[in-house]
Amino acid sequence: TSHTLGYGLCALLVPLASKTGVAIALIMTALFAAVLFTIVSACIWHYRTIK
């Protein structure tokens, strides 16, 4: 039943995502978060190195 539910959700999400561009938004958010995390990590490392 969970398998069928998963397929049902996928079938519902695919047209929804393609219509509203949710998939693109999620990818952009993930990329932005990764870049932000990298910048923050670099800043912390740089700050610690200076001290």
PDB file of N, CA and C in Angstrom:
ATOM      1  N   THR A   1       0.837  -1.212   0.000  1.00  0.00           N
ATOM      2  CA  THR A   1       0.000   0.000   0.000  1.00  0.00           C
ATOM      3  C   THR A   1       0.873   1.264   0.000  1.00  0.00           C
ATOM      4  N   SER A   2       1.974   1.228   0.741  1.00  0.00           N
ATOM      5  CA  SER A   2       2.869   2.382   0.802  1.00  0.00           C
ATOM      6  C   SER A   2       3.518   2.631  -0.556  1.00  0.00           C
ATOM      7  N   HIS A   3       3.791   1.534  -1.286  1.00  0.00           N
ATOM      8  CA  HIS A   3       4.374   1.627  -2.624  1.00  0.00           C
ATOM      9  C   HIS A   3       3.413   2.342  -3.577  1.00  0.00           C
ATOM     10  N   THR A   4       2.150   1.934  -3.503  1.00  0.00           N
ATOM     11  CA  THR A   4       1.112   2.536  -4.347  1.00  0.00           C
ATOM     12  C   THR A   4       0.936   4.010  -3.992  1.00  0.00           C
ATOM     13  N   LEU A   5       0.992   4.303  -2.699  1.00  0.00           N
ATOM     14  CA  LEU A   5       0.846   5.674  -2.220  1.00  0.00           C
ATOM     15  C   LEU A   5       1.997   6.540  -2.743  1.00  0.00           C
ATOM     16  N   GLY A   6       3.207   5.969  -2.714  1.00  0.00           N
ATOM     17  CA  GLY A   6       4.378   6.683  -3.217  1.00  0.00           C
ATOM     18  C   GLY A   6       4.249   7.013  -4.690  1.00  0.00           C
ATOM     19  N   TYR A   7       3.792   6.014  -5.468  1.00  0.00           N
ATOM     20  CA  TYR A   7       3.591   6.233  -6.908  1.00  0.00           C
ATOM     21  C   TYR A   7       2.512   7.280  -7.149  1.00  0.00           C
ATOM     22  N   GLY A   8       1.463   7.237  -6.339  1.00  0.00           N
ATOM     23  CA  GLY A   8       0.368   8.200  -6.453  1.00  0.00           C
ATOM     24  C   GLY A   8       0.842   9.616  -6.182  1.00  0.00           C
ATOM     25  N   LEU A   9       1.672   9.748  -5.146  1.00  0.00           N
ATOM     26  CA  LEU A   9       2.221  11.055  -4.796  1.00  0.00           C
ATOM     27  C   LEU A   9       3.129  11.578  -5.899  1.00  0.00           C
ATOM     28  N   CYS A  10       3.957  10.682  -6.450  1.00  0.00           N
ATOM     29  CA  CYS A  10       4.852  11.059  -7.548  1.00  0.00           C
ATOM     30  C   CYS A  10       4.045  11.528  -8.755  1.00  0.00           C
ATOM     31  N   ALA A  11       2.981  10.775  -9.064  1.00  0.00           N
ATOM     32  CA  ALA A  11       2.126  11.108 -10.206  1.00  0.00           C
ATOM     33  C   ALA A  11       1.464  12.473 -10.008  1.00  0.00           C
ATOM     34  N   LEU A  12       1.143  12.802  -8.751  1.00  0.00           N
ATOM     35  CA  LEU A  12       0.524  14.092  -8.449  1.00  0.00           C
ATOM     36  C   LEU A  12       1.559  15.222  -8.454  1.00  0.00           C
ATOM     37  N   LEU A  13       2.749  14.923  -7.952  1.00  0.00           N
ATOM     38  CA  LEU A  13       3.784  15.947  -7.811  1.00  0.00           C
ATOM     39  C   LEU A  13       4.435  16.347  -9.129  1.00  0.00           C
ATOM     40  N   VAL A  14       4.590  15.377 -10.045  1.00  0.00           N
ATOM     41  CA  VAL A  14       5.272  15.676 -11.312  1.00  0.00           C
ATOM     42  C   VAL A  14       4.598  16.808 -12.098  1.00  0.00           C
ATOM     43  N   PRO A  15       3.285  16.728 -12.402  1.00  0.00           N
ATOM     44  CA  PRO A  15       2.654  17.842 -13.124  1.00  0.00           C
ATOM     45  C   PRO A  15       2.614  19.125 -12.302  1.00  0.00           C
ATOM     46  N   LEU A  16       2.474  18.985 -10.990  1.00  0.00           N
ATOM     47  CA  LEU A  16       2.426  20.142 -10.095  1.00  0.00           C
ATOM     48  C   LEU A  16       3.765  20.883 -10.122  1.00  0.00           C
ATOM     49  N   ALA A  17       4.854  20.113 -10.021  1.00  0.00           N
ATOM     50  CA  ALA A  17       6.193  20.700 -10.009  1.00  0.00           C
ATOM     51  C   ALA A  17       6.522  21.358 -11.343  1.00  0.00           C
ATOM     52  N   SER A  18       6.145  20.699 -12.443  1.00  0.00           N
ATOM     53  CA  SER A  18       6.445  21.249 -13.762  1.00  0.00           C
ATOM     54  C   SER A  18       5.627  22.508 -14.042  1.00  0.00           C
ATOM     55  N   LYS A  19       4.431  22.573 -13.484  1.00  0.00           N
ATOM     56  CA  LYS A  19       3.574  23.751 -13.685  1.00  0.00           C
ATOM     57  C   LYS A  19       4.077  24.949 -12.888  1.00  0.00           C
ATOM     58  N   THR A  20       4.414  24.730 -11.637  1.00  0.00           N
ATOM     59  CA  THR A  20       4.763  25.842 -10.751  1.00  0.00           C
ATOM     60  C   THR A  20       6.261  26.080 -10.646  1.00  0.00           C
ATOM     61  N   GLY A  21       7.064  25.153 -11.186  1.00  0.00           N
ATOM     62  CA  GLY A  21       8.509  25.314 -11.113  1.00  0.00           C
ATOM     63  C   GLY A  21       9.054  25.066  -9.723  1.00  0.00           C
ATOM     64  N   VAL A  22       8.364  24.226  -8.951  1.00  0.00           N
ATOM     65  CA  VAL A  22       8.794  23.918  -7.583  1.00  0.00           C
ATOM     66  C   VAL A  22      10.136  23.194  -7.601  1.00  0.00           C
ATOM     67  N   ALA A  23      10.308  22.293  -8.565  1.00  0.00           N
ATOM     68  CA  ALA A  23      11.561  21.542  -8.668  1.00  0.00           C
ATOM     69  C   ALA A  23      12.743  22.483  -8.862  1.00  0.00           C
ATOM     70  N   ILE A  24      12.585  23.460  -9.748  1.00  0.00           N
ATOM     71  CA  ILE A  24      13.634  24.447 -10.015  1.00  0.00           C
ATOM     72  C   ILE A  24      13.916  25.262  -8.751  1.00  0.00           C
ATOM     73  N   ALA A  25      12.861  25.654  -8.054  1.00  0.00           N
ATOM     74  CA  ALA A  25      13.001  26.432  -6.826  1.00  0.00           C
ATOM     75  C   ALA A  25      13.759  25.645  -5.759  1.00  0.00           C
ATOM     76  N   LEU A  26      13.446  24.347  -5.648  1.00  0.00           N
ATOM     77  CA  LEU A  26      14.122  23.494  -4.666  1.00  0.00           C
ATOM     78  C   LEU A  26      15.601  23.347  -4.995  1.00  0.00           C
ATOM     79  N   ILE A  27      15.902  23.164  -6.278  1.00  0.00           N
ATOM     80  CA  ILE A  27      17.295  23.026  -6.713  1.00  0.00           C
ATOM     81  C   ILE A  27      18.060  24.319  -6.435  1.00  0.00           C
ATOM     82  N   MET A  28      17.448  25.450  -6.752  1.00  0.00           N
ATOM     83  CA  MET A  28      18.072  26.747  -6.519  1.00  0.00           C
ATOM     84  C   MET A  28      18.315  26.985  -5.036  1.00  0.00           C
ATOM     85  N   THR A  29      17.333  26.605  -4.207  1.00  0.00           N
ATOM     86  CA  THR A  29      17.460  26.752  -2.761  1.00  0.00           C
ATOM     87  C   THR A  29      18.596  25.890  -2.230  1.00  0.00           C
ATOM     88  N   ALA A  30      18.680  24.652  -2.727  1.00  0.00           N
ATOM     89  CA  ALA A  30      19.737  23.736  -2.299  1.00  0.00           C
ATOM     90  C   ALA A  30      21.118  24.272  -2.688  1.00  0.00           C
ATOM     91  N   LEU A  31      21.223  24.792  -3.911  1.00  0.00           N
ATOM     92  CA  LEU A  31      22.486  25.363  -4.386  1.00  0.00           C
ATOM     93  C   LEU A  31      22.867  26.592  -3.568  1.00  0.00           C
ATOM     94  N   PHE A  32      21.879  27.451  -3.301  1.00  0.00           N
ATOM     95  CA  PHE A  32      22.108  28.666  -2.517  1.00  0.00           C
ATOM     96  C   PHE A  32      22.575  28.319  -1.105  1.00  0.00           C
ATOM     97  N   ALA A  33      21.926  27.301  -0.505  1.00  0.00           N
ATOM     98  CA  ALA A  33      22.292  26.856   0.837  1.00  0.00           C
ATOM     99  C   ALA A  33      23.719  26.314   0.854  1.00  0.00           C
ATOM    100  N   ALA A  34      24.085  25.562  -0.183  1.00  0.00           N
ATOM    101  CA  ALA A  34      25.431  24.995  -0.276  1.00  0.00           C
ATOM    102  C   ALA A  34      26.481  26.095  -0.406  1.00  0.00           C
ATOM    103  N   VAL A  35      26.197  27.080  -1.256  1.00  0.00           N
ATOM    104  CA  VAL A  35      27.114  28.206  -1.457  1.00  0.00           C
ATOM    105  C   VAL A  35      27.253  29.016  -0.171  1.00  0.00           C
ATOM    106  N   LEU A  36      26.122  29.283   0.473  1.00  0.00           N
ATOM    107  CA  LEU A  36      26.113  30.044   1.716  1.00  0.00           C
ATOM    108  C   LEU A  36      26.918  29.326   2.794  1.00  0.00           C
ATOM    109  N   PHE A  37      26.704  27.997   2.901  1.00  0.00           N
ATOM    110  CA  PHE A  37      27.427  27.182   3.878  1.00  0.00           C
ATOM    111  C   PHE A  37      28.933  27.232   3.620  1.00  0.00           C
ATOM    112  N   THR A  38      29.319  27.171   2.349  1.00  0.00           N
ATOM    113  CA  THR A  38      30.733  27.219   1.970  1.00  0.00           C
ATOM    114  C   THR A  38      31.348  28.564   2.345  1.00  0.00           C
ATOM    115  N   ILE A  39      30.619  29.645   2.071  1.00  0.00           N
ATOM    116  CA  ILE A  39      31.100  30.997   2.380  1.00  0.00           C
ATOM    117  C   ILE A  39      31.259  31.174   3.893  1.00  0.00           C
ATOM    118  N   VAL A  40      30.251  30.732   4.647  1.00  0.00           N
ATOM    119  CA  VAL A  40      30.292  30.844   6.109  1.00  0.00           C
ATOM    120  C   VAL A  40      31.464  30.039   6.670  1.00  0.00           C
ATOM    121  N   SER A  41      31.643  28.815   6.163  1.00  0.00           N
ATOM    122  CA  SER A  41      32.747  27.963   6.609  1.00  0.00           C
ATOM    123  C   SER A  41      34.092  28.621   6.313  1.00  0.00           C
ATOM    124  N   ALA A  42      34.221  29.196   5.127  1.00  0.00           N
ATOM    125  CA  ALA A  42      35.454  29.870   4.721  1.00  0.00           C
ATOM    126  C   ALA A  42      35.730  31.078   5.612  1.00  0.00           C
ATOM    127  N   CYS A  43      34.689  31.839   5.927  1.00  0.00           N
ATOM    128  CA  CYS A  43      34.828  33.018   6.783  1.00  0.00           C
ATOM    129  C   CYS A  43      35.270  32.619   8.184  1.00  0.00           C
ATOM    130  N   ILE A  44      34.656  31.577   8.735  1.00  0.00           N
ATOM    131  CA  ILE A  44      35.002  31.097  10.076  1.00  0.00           C
ATOM    132  C   ILE A  44      36.456  30.614  10.098  1.00  0.00           C
ATOM    133  N   TRP A  45      36.829  29.829   9.070  1.00  0.00           N
ATOM    134  CA  TRP A  45      38.191  29.303   8.972  1.00  0.00           C
ATOM    135  C   TRP A  45      39.197  30.448   8.847  1.00  0.00           C
ATOM    136  N   HIS A  46      38.883  31.438   8.034  1.00  0.00           N
ATOM    137  CA  HIS A  46      39.743  32.601   7.809  1.00  0.00           C
ATOM    138  C   HIS A  46      39.887  33.409   9.096  1.00  0.00           C
ATOM    139  N   TYR A  47      38.765  33.599   9.808  1.00  0.00           N
ATOM    140  CA  TYR A  47      38.759  34.354  11.057  1.00  0.00           C
ATOM    141  C   TYR A  47      39.614  33.659  12.111  1.00  0.00           C
ATOM    142  N   ARG A  48      39.490  32.318  12.178  1.00  0.00           N
ATOM    143  CA  ARG A  48      40.278  31.543  13.138  1.00  0.00           C
ATOM    144  C   ARG A  48      41.766  31.592  12.790  1.00  0.00           C
ATOM    145  N   THR A  49      42.073  31.618  11.497  1.00  0.00           N
ATOM    146  CA  THR A  49      43.465  31.650  11.042  1.00  0.00           C
ATOM    147  C   THR A  49      44.112  32.986  11.406  1.00  0.00           C
ATOM    148  N   ILE A  50      43.362  34.075  11.277  1.00  0.00           N
ATOM    149  CA  ILE A  50      43.864  35.414  11.600  1.00  0.00           C
ATOM    150  C   ILE A  50      44.162  35.498  13.099  1.00  0.00           C
ATOM    151  N   LYS A  51      43.239  35.011  13.908  1.00  0.00           N
ATOM    152  CA  LYS A  51      43.428  35.016  15.357  1.00  0.00           C
ATOM    153  C   LYS A  51      44.538  34.039  15.731  1.00  0.00           C
TER     154      LYS A  51
END
